Protein backbone atom coordinates (compact mmCIF):
# COMPACT_ATOMS: atom_id res chain seq x y z
CA MET A 1 28.99 -20.48 9.12
CA ALA A 2 27.69 -23.87 10.41
CA MET A 3 27.92 -23.01 13.96
CA ILE A 4 25.64 -20.08 13.55
CA LEU A 5 22.90 -21.97 11.84
CA GLN A 6 22.96 -24.80 14.39
CA ALA A 7 22.87 -22.38 17.48
CA PRO A 8 19.45 -20.86 16.51
CA LEU A 9 18.08 -24.42 15.90
CA LEU A 10 19.05 -25.73 19.25
CA PHE A 11 17.75 -22.61 21.07
CA LEU A 12 14.41 -23.14 19.29
CA VAL A 13 14.18 -26.83 20.65
CA VAL A 14 15.11 -25.87 24.23
CA ILE A 15 12.56 -23.07 24.15
CA THR A 16 9.56 -25.23 22.89
CA GLY A 17 10.54 -28.05 25.22
CA ALA A 18 10.64 -25.83 28.31
CA TRP A 19 7.03 -24.31 28.03
CA PRO A 20 4.89 -27.36 27.79
CA VAL A 21 1.08 -26.65 26.61
CA LEU A 22 -1.27 -26.70 29.39
CA PRO A 23 -5.22 -26.86 29.08
CA ALA A 24 -6.79 -23.71 29.38
CA MET A 25 -9.15 -23.29 32.46
CA ALA A 26 -12.16 -20.96 32.06
CA GLN A 27 -13.11 -18.76 35.02
CA ARG A 28 -16.46 -19.27 36.57
CA ALA A 29 -18.39 -16.85 38.53
CA ASP A 30 -18.59 -17.31 42.32
CA VAL A 31 -21.90 -17.00 44.35
CA VAL A 32 -22.60 -15.70 47.79
CA ARG A 33 -21.97 -17.91 50.88
CA PRO A 34 -24.18 -17.83 53.89
CA ALA A 35 -23.23 -17.14 57.53
CA ALA A 36 -22.95 -19.85 60.25
CA ASN A 37 -26.54 -19.46 61.14
CA GLY A 38 -27.74 -19.89 57.44
CA ASN A 39 -28.50 -16.29 56.77
CA PHE A 40 -27.18 -14.59 53.52
CA LEU A 41 -25.71 -11.17 54.76
CA THR A 42 -24.89 -9.72 51.31
CA THR A 43 -25.79 -10.03 47.69
CA LYS A 44 -22.41 -8.91 46.86
CA VAL A 45 -19.68 -11.27 45.20
CA GLN A 46 -16.12 -10.58 44.59
CA GLY A 47 -15.32 -11.24 40.88
CA ASN A 48 -12.41 -11.03 38.62
CA ARG A 49 -13.32 -7.51 37.57
CA GLY A 50 -14.77 -6.10 40.89
CA GLU A 51 -17.82 -6.74 42.75
CA TYR A 52 -21.20 -7.68 41.32
CA HIS A 53 -24.53 -8.53 42.76
CA GLN A 54 -25.77 -12.19 43.11
CA MET A 55 -29.03 -12.05 40.96
CA LEU A 56 -30.63 -15.35 40.66
CA TRP A 57 -31.65 -17.58 43.46
CA LEU A 58 -33.64 -21.04 43.65
CA VAL A 59 -36.30 -21.59 45.99
CA ILE A 60 -35.40 -25.00 47.87
CA ASP A 61 -37.89 -24.73 50.78
CA GLN A 62 -39.86 -28.01 50.57
CA ASP A 63 -42.87 -27.04 52.57
CA ARG A 64 -45.73 -27.98 50.60
CA ASN A 65 -47.51 -24.65 51.24
CA GLY A 66 -44.48 -22.82 49.37
CA LEU A 67 -42.22 -20.14 50.53
CA ASN A 68 -44.13 -16.92 51.40
CA CYS A 69 -42.96 -13.82 49.53
CA ARG A 70 -44.07 -11.06 51.58
CA SER A 71 -44.79 -7.22 51.18
CA LEU A 72 -41.77 -4.96 51.16
CA GLY A 73 -43.26 -2.64 54.09
CA GLY A 74 -43.00 -3.21 58.00
CA ASP A 75 -45.94 -5.31 58.07
CA ALA A 76 -44.58 -8.04 56.08
CA VAL A 77 -47.95 -9.55 54.91
CA PRO A 78 -47.62 -12.57 52.75
CA LEU A 79 -48.41 -11.92 49.34
CA VAL A 80 -47.86 -15.18 47.48
CA SER A 81 -46.33 -18.39 47.94
CA LEU A 82 -43.57 -19.77 45.96
CA ASP A 83 -43.18 -23.59 45.06
CA TYR A 84 -39.98 -25.39 45.36
CA GLY A 85 -37.85 -24.88 42.19
CA SER A 86 -38.89 -21.54 41.44
CA ILE A 87 -36.30 -18.98 40.17
CA LEU A 88 -36.31 -15.69 41.70
CA ARG A 89 -34.40 -12.47 40.53
CA THR A 90 -32.90 -10.13 43.17
CA ALA A 91 -34.70 -6.61 43.14
CA ILE A 92 -31.84 -4.46 43.28
CA ALA A 93 -30.75 -0.94 41.98
CA GLN A 94 -27.17 -0.83 40.84
CA SER A 95 -26.50 1.89 43.21
CA GLN A 96 -27.37 -0.33 46.44
CA LEU A 97 -24.64 -1.47 48.39
CA ASN A 98 -26.25 -4.68 49.33
CA GLY A 99 -29.55 -6.28 48.47
CA ILE A 100 -30.12 -8.08 51.82
CA VAL A 101 -32.43 -5.97 54.07
CA PHE A 102 -32.40 -6.83 58.04
CA GLN A 103 -35.61 -6.47 60.10
CA ASP A 104 -35.96 -7.83 63.63
CA ASP A 105 -32.53 -9.43 63.38
CA GLN A 106 -33.76 -11.43 60.38
CA ALA A 107 -32.23 -11.35 56.82
CA TRP A 108 -34.69 -10.45 53.90
CA LEU A 109 -34.11 -10.51 49.99
CA PRO A 110 -36.27 -8.25 47.91
CA VAL A 111 -37.30 -10.33 44.77
CA ASP A 112 -39.02 -9.85 41.57
CA VAL A 113 -41.58 -12.52 40.92
CA GLY A 114 -42.01 -12.49 37.20
CA PRO A 115 -44.97 -13.46 35.01
CA ARG A 116 -45.86 -16.64 33.83
CA GLY A 117 -43.25 -18.43 31.80
CA THR A 118 -40.18 -17.22 33.72
CA PHE A 119 -39.75 -20.34 35.96
CA VAL A 120 -41.65 -19.10 38.76
CA PHE A 121 -44.13 -21.36 40.19
CA ASP A 122 -46.31 -19.31 42.48
CA HIS A 123 -49.98 -19.80 43.81
CA ARG A 124 -51.37 -16.46 42.31
CA PRO A 125 -54.70 -16.90 40.32
CA LEU A 126 -53.88 -17.52 36.69
CA GLN A 127 -54.98 -14.13 35.55
CA ALA A 128 -52.49 -12.27 38.16
CA ARG A 129 -49.44 -14.19 37.08
CA GLY A 130 -49.02 -11.99 33.98
CA GLU A 131 -47.92 -9.04 36.27
CA MET A 132 -44.49 -8.54 38.15
CA LEU A 133 -44.75 -8.68 41.62
CA ARG A 134 -42.05 -7.22 43.91
CA CYS A 135 -41.83 -8.69 47.44
CA LYS A 136 -39.13 -10.10 49.94
CA VAL A 137 -38.30 -13.78 51.02
CA ARG A 138 -36.29 -14.75 54.06
CA ALA A 139 -32.71 -14.94 52.92
CA ASN A 140 -31.75 -17.97 54.69
CA ALA A 141 -29.95 -21.15 53.15
CA ALA A 142 -32.54 -23.43 54.51
CA LEU A 143 -35.11 -21.65 51.98
CA ILE A 144 -33.17 -20.26 48.92
CA THR A 145 -29.76 -20.90 47.38
CA PRO A 146 -27.81 -18.66 45.04
CA ILE A 147 -27.70 -19.86 41.12
CA ASN A 148 -24.26 -19.45 39.37
CA PRO A 149 -25.06 -17.37 36.25
CA ASP A 150 -22.36 -19.35 34.45
CA ALA A 151 -24.52 -22.55 34.64
CA PHE A 152 -27.16 -21.03 32.38
CA ASP A 153 -24.52 -19.77 29.76
CA GLU A 154 -22.72 -23.19 29.54
CA THR A 155 -25.84 -25.31 29.05
CA ALA A 156 -27.66 -23.09 26.67
CA ALA A 157 -28.25 -24.49 23.24
CA PRO A 158 -27.63 -21.98 20.53
CA GLY A 159 -30.67 -19.96 19.77
CA VAL A 160 -32.54 -20.98 23.35
CA ARG A 161 -33.38 -18.24 25.39
CA THR A 162 -32.27 -18.47 29.10
CA ILE A 163 -32.99 -16.49 32.16
CA PRO A 164 -31.36 -13.27 32.08
CA SER A 165 -28.82 -13.08 34.99
CA ARG A 166 -27.86 -9.65 34.60
CA PRO A 167 -29.89 -6.30 34.66
């Protein structure tokens, strides 16, 4: 009888000793990468549950006149200039396969420039900043860079509103 009691105890010790407890690592979202020439070719990112679209972008163009956001038509007239540090949101319908548009061998990203208070620093007159503006910017790594949506989720304090990264 004593032999039967000792065997399960020995087995338990072996099992717990063989499976060390390791720290858990959370998965982070990835961001799109530019091609060798700096152009972003797609807004699609492979995630652990399928593909999703890169939605948030940071303006890194250091031109003191700002990054031109142009009309969506073929004429591409500058509508507004955006300052360094502005955060843009991809203007994309869920059914689209790619948010990047190619015209004359250049990659363009349609974006929504939000109203005042949405981390967009544009040069529109103050009264015009209350309206949403849809335009396009050059999709090049020298001008914009993708923002990882997990960065907002991890740094947000409880009760503080962050930028919505998903539609």
